[in-house]
């Protein structure tokens, strides 16, 4: 598997265009930062350590913690509190995320380049 280097991405916030799922305990810690972002859709989910997850966006909107400059407000304040899902993207459980084709600008760019060279 080829590693994707997000530092080379010119659209680093494109992966935040639909928000992320966050463990409820992570969300509680993030809430203490006093940021303007909001969590939505509390749902039970056994794949998350607490057994619950919350979303960082409403429906198909961008992450509520994305600043006007296209930066993560959580990352700017305390990287250690940035949700694990966000830190790991474009990977999930050591493999490319199923959402990588839709959200990762570098993957989209590679596909366009391959099509042009054929």
C-alpha atoms as a PDB file:
ATOM      1  CA  UNK A   1       0.000   0.000   0.000  1.00  0.00           C
ATOM      2  CA  UNK A   2       1.390   3.368  -1.026  1.00  0.00           C
ATOM      3  CA  UNK A   3       1.388   6.010   1.721  1.00  0.00           C
ATOM      4  CA  UNK A   4      -0.525   9.235   1.099  1.00  0.00           C
ATOM      5  CA  UNK A   5       1.370  12.341   2.217  1.00  0.00           C
ATOM      6  CA  UNK A   6      -1.270  14.843   3.329  1.00  0.00           C
ATOM      7  CA  UNK A   7       1.348  17.600   3.687  1.00  0.00           C
ATOM      8  CA  UNK A   8       1.574  17.675  -0.127  1.00  0.00           C
ATOM      9  CA  UNK A   9      -2.163  18.275  -0.476  1.00  0.00           C
ATOM     10  CA  UNK A  10      -3.136  21.743  -1.727  1.00  0.00           C
ATOM     11  CA  UNK A  11      -6.709  21.271  -0.447  1.00  0.00           C
ATOM     12  CA  UNK A  12      -6.029  19.973   3.037  1.00  0.00           C
ATOM     13  CA  UNK A  13      -9.533  20.682   4.266  1.00  0.00           C
ATOM     14  CA  UNK A  14     -11.260  18.687   1.508  1.00  0.00           C
ATOM     15  CA  UNK A  15     -11.288  15.659   3.805  1.00  0.00           C
ATOM     16  CA  UNK A  16     -13.297  17.723   6.310  1.00  0.00           C
ATOM     17  CA  UNK A  17     -16.077  18.487   3.852  1.00  0.00           C
ATOM     18  CA  UNK A  18     -18.469  15.997   5.482  1.00  0.00           C
ATOM     19  CA  UNK A  19     -17.266  16.032   9.088  1.00  0.00           C
ATOM     20  CA  UNK A  20     -16.274  12.948  11.050  1.00  0.00           C
ATOM     21  CA  UNK A  21     -17.538  10.495  13.622  1.00  0.00           C
ATOM     22  CA  UNK A  22     -16.002  11.061  17.050  1.00  0.00           C
ATOM     23  CA  UNK A  23     -16.045   8.892  20.162  1.00  0.00           C
ATOM     24  CA  UNK A  24     -18.327  10.427  22.798  1.00  0.00           C
ATOM     25  CA  UNK A  25     -15.495  10.635  25.340  1.00  0.00           C
ATOM     26  CA  UNK A  26     -13.307  12.497  22.801  1.00  0.00           C
ATOM     27  CA  UNK A  27     -16.195  14.885  22.155  1.00  0.00           C
ATOM     28  CA  UNK A  28     -16.543  15.624  25.865  1.00  0.00           C
ATOM     29  CA  UNK A  29     -12.844  16.587  26.075  1.00  0.00           C
ATOM     30  CA  UNK A  30     -13.089  18.726  22.920  1.00  0.00           C
ATOM     31  CA  UNK A  31     -16.125  20.511  24.370  1.00  0.00           C
ATOM     32  CA  UNK A  32     -13.981  21.801  27.238  1.00  0.00           C
ATOM     33  CA  UNK A  33     -11.943  23.868  24.736  1.00  0.00           C
ATOM     34  CA  UNK A  34     -14.816  26.328  24.257  1.00  0.00           C
ATOM     35  CA  UNK A  35     -14.685  26.217  20.452  1.00  0.00           C
ATOM     36  CA  UNK A  36     -17.634  27.210  18.245  1.00  0.00           C
ATOM     37  CA  UNK A  37     -18.020  23.722  16.743  1.00  0.00           C
ATOM     38  CA  UNK A  38     -21.029  21.573  17.544  1.00  0.00           C
ATOM     39  CA  UNK A  39     -21.539  17.814  17.815  1.00  0.00           C
ATOM     40  CA  UNK A  40     -24.591  16.155  16.251  1.00  0.00           C
ATOM     41  CA  UNK A  41     -26.261  12.750  16.031  1.00  0.00           C
ATOM     42  CA  UNK A  42     -25.417  10.860  19.220  1.00  0.00           C
ATOM     43  CA  UNK A  43     -25.616   7.173  18.272  1.00  0.00           C
ATOM     44  CA  UNK A  44     -24.672   3.888  19.891  1.00  0.00           C
ATOM     45  CA  UNK A  45     -21.734   2.276  18.058  1.00  0.00           C
ATOM     46  CA  UNK A  46     -19.783  -0.661  19.479  1.00  0.00           C
ATOM     47  CA  UNK A  47     -16.785   0.163  17.244  1.00  0.00           C
ATOM     48  CA  UNK A  48     -16.065   3.254  19.355  1.00  0.00           C
ATOM     49  CA  UNK A  49     -14.336   2.861  22.747  1.00  0.00           C
ATOM     50  CA  UNK A  50     -17.169   4.487  24.720  1.00  0.00           C
ATOM     51  CA  UNK A  51     -19.836   2.598  22.779  1.00  0.00           C
ATOM     52  CA  UNK A  52     -21.182   5.882  21.361  1.00  0.00           C
ATOM     53  CA  UNK A  53     -20.276   8.220  18.534  1.00  0.00           C
ATOM     54  CA  UNK A  54     -21.224  11.773  17.607  1.00  0.00           C
ATOM     55  CA  UNK A  55     -20.830  13.605  14.307  1.00  0.00           C
ATOM     56  CA  UNK A  56     -19.028  16.883  13.718  1.00  0.00           C
ATOM     57  CA  UNK A  57     -21.373  17.984  10.946  1.00  0.00           C
ATOM     58  CA  UNK A  58     -25.073  18.259  10.291  1.00  0.00           C
ATOM     59  CA  UNK A  59     -26.144  16.075   7.380  1.00  0.00           C
ATOM     60  CA  UNK A  60     -23.774  16.684   4.434  1.00  0.00           C
ATOM     61  CA  UNK A  61     -22.235  19.939   5.656  1.00  0.00           C
ATOM     62  CA  UNK A  62     -18.574  20.551   6.429  1.00  0.00           C
ATOM     63  CA  UNK A  63     -17.121  19.792   9.831  1.00  0.00           C
ATOM     64  CA  UNK A  64     -18.378  22.335  12.349  1.00  0.00           C
ATOM     65  CA  UNK A  65     -14.808  22.731  13.664  1.00  0.00           C
ATOM     66  CA  UNK A  66     -13.424  23.832  10.298  1.00  0.00           C
ATOM     67  CA  UNK A  67     -12.351  27.483  10.451  1.00  0.00           C
ATOM     68  CA  UNK A  68     -12.913  30.055   7.703  1.00  0.00           C
ATOM     69  CA  UNK A  69      -9.231  29.594   6.798  1.00  0.00           C
ATOM     70  CA  UNK A  70      -9.876  25.891   6.162  1.00  0.00           C
ATOM     71  CA  UNK A  71      -8.037  24.760   9.282  1.00  0.00           C
ATOM     72  CA  UNK A  72      -9.126  22.492  12.103  1.00  0.00           C
ATOM     73  CA  UNK A  73      -9.955  24.590  15.159  1.00  0.00           C
ATOM     74  CA  UNK A  74      -9.249  21.616  17.440  1.00  0.00           C
ATOM     75  CA  UNK A  75      -5.845  21.010  15.848  1.00  0.00           C
ATOM     76  CA  UNK A  76      -4.938  24.685  16.249  1.00  0.00           C
ATOM     77  CA  UNK A  77      -5.667  24.620  20.007  1.00  0.00           C
ATOM     78  CA  UNK A  78      -4.592  21.111  21.094  1.00  0.00           C
ATOM     79  CA  UNK A  79      -3.532  18.464  18.567  1.00  0.00           C
ATOM     80  CA  UNK A  80      -3.769  15.771  21.242  1.00  0.00           C
ATOM     81  CA  UNK A  81      -7.551  16.350  21.375  1.00  0.00           C
ATOM     82  CA  UNK A  82      -8.016  16.132  17.598  1.00  0.00           C
ATOM     83  CA  UNK A  83     -10.338  13.150  17.002  1.00  0.00           C
ATOM     84  CA  UNK A  84      -8.549   9.878  16.264  1.00  0.00           C
ATOM     85  CA  UNK A  85     -10.588   9.473  13.078  1.00  0.00           C
ATOM     86  CA  UNK A  86      -9.284  12.806  11.793  1.00  0.00           C
ATOM     87  CA  UNK A  87      -5.674  12.078  12.729  1.00  0.00           C
ATOM     88  CA  UNK A  88      -5.786   8.721  10.922  1.00  0.00           C
ATOM     89  CA  UNK A  89      -7.591   9.797   7.731  1.00  0.00           C
ATOM     90  CA  UNK A  90      -7.225   8.772   4.906  1.00  0.00           C
ATOM     91  CA  UNK A  91      -6.710   5.471   6.730  1.00  0.00           C
ATOM     92  CA  UNK A  92      -9.056   3.442   8.919  1.00  0.00           C
ATOM     93  CA  UNK A  93      -7.721   0.438  10.791  1.00  0.00           C
ATOM     94  CA  UNK A  94      -4.498   0.551   8.758  1.00  0.00           C
ATOM     95  CA  UNK A  95      -6.260   0.474   5.371  1.00  0.00           C
ATOM     96  CA  UNK A  96      -7.416   3.205   3.025  1.00  0.00           C
ATOM     97  CA  UNK A  97     -10.804   4.484   4.105  1.00  0.00           C
ATOM     98  CA  UNK A  98     -13.791   3.699   1.877  1.00  0.00           C
ATOM     99  CA  UNK A  99     -14.386   7.485   1.810  1.00  0.00           C
ATOM    100  CA  UNK A 100     -10.921   8.253   0.411  1.00  0.00           C
ATOM    101  CA  UNK A 101     -12.190   8.338  -3.178  1.00  0.00           C
ATOM    102  CA  UNK A 102     -14.700  11.039  -2.313  1.00  0.00           C
ATOM    103  CA  UNK A 103     -12.815  13.119   0.221  1.00  0.00           C
ATOM    104  CA  UNK A 104      -9.086  12.934  -0.496  1.00  0.00           C
ATOM    105  CA  UNK A 105      -7.907  15.463  -3.078  1.00  0.00           C
ATOM    106  CA  UNK A 106      -4.580  13.646  -3.555  1.00  0.00           C
ATOM    107  CA  UNK A 107      -6.356  10.415  -4.520  1.00  0.00           C
ATOM    108  CA  UNK A 108      -8.636  12.309  -6.924  1.00  0.00           C
ATOM    109  CA  UNK A 109      -5.593  14.020  -8.468  1.00  0.00           C
ATOM    110  CA  UNK A 110      -3.776  10.698  -8.948  1.00  0.00           C
ATOM    111  CA  UNK A 111      -6.822   9.234 -10.698  1.00  0.00           C
ATOM    112  CA  UNK A 112      -7.085  12.205 -13.079  1.00  0.00           C
ATOM    113  CA  UNK A 113      -3.372  11.973 -13.848  1.00  0.00           C
ATOM    114  CA  UNK A 114      -3.613   8.240 -14.595  1.00  0.00           C
ATOM    115  CA  UNK A 115      -6.581   8.797 -16.943  1.00  0.00           C
ATOM    116  CA  UNK A 116      -4.682  11.492 -18.878  1.00  0.00           C
ATOM    117  CA  UNK A 117      -1.601   9.296 -19.361  1.00  0.00           C
ATOM    118  CA  UNK A 118      -3.544   6.342 -20.768  1.00  0.00           C
END
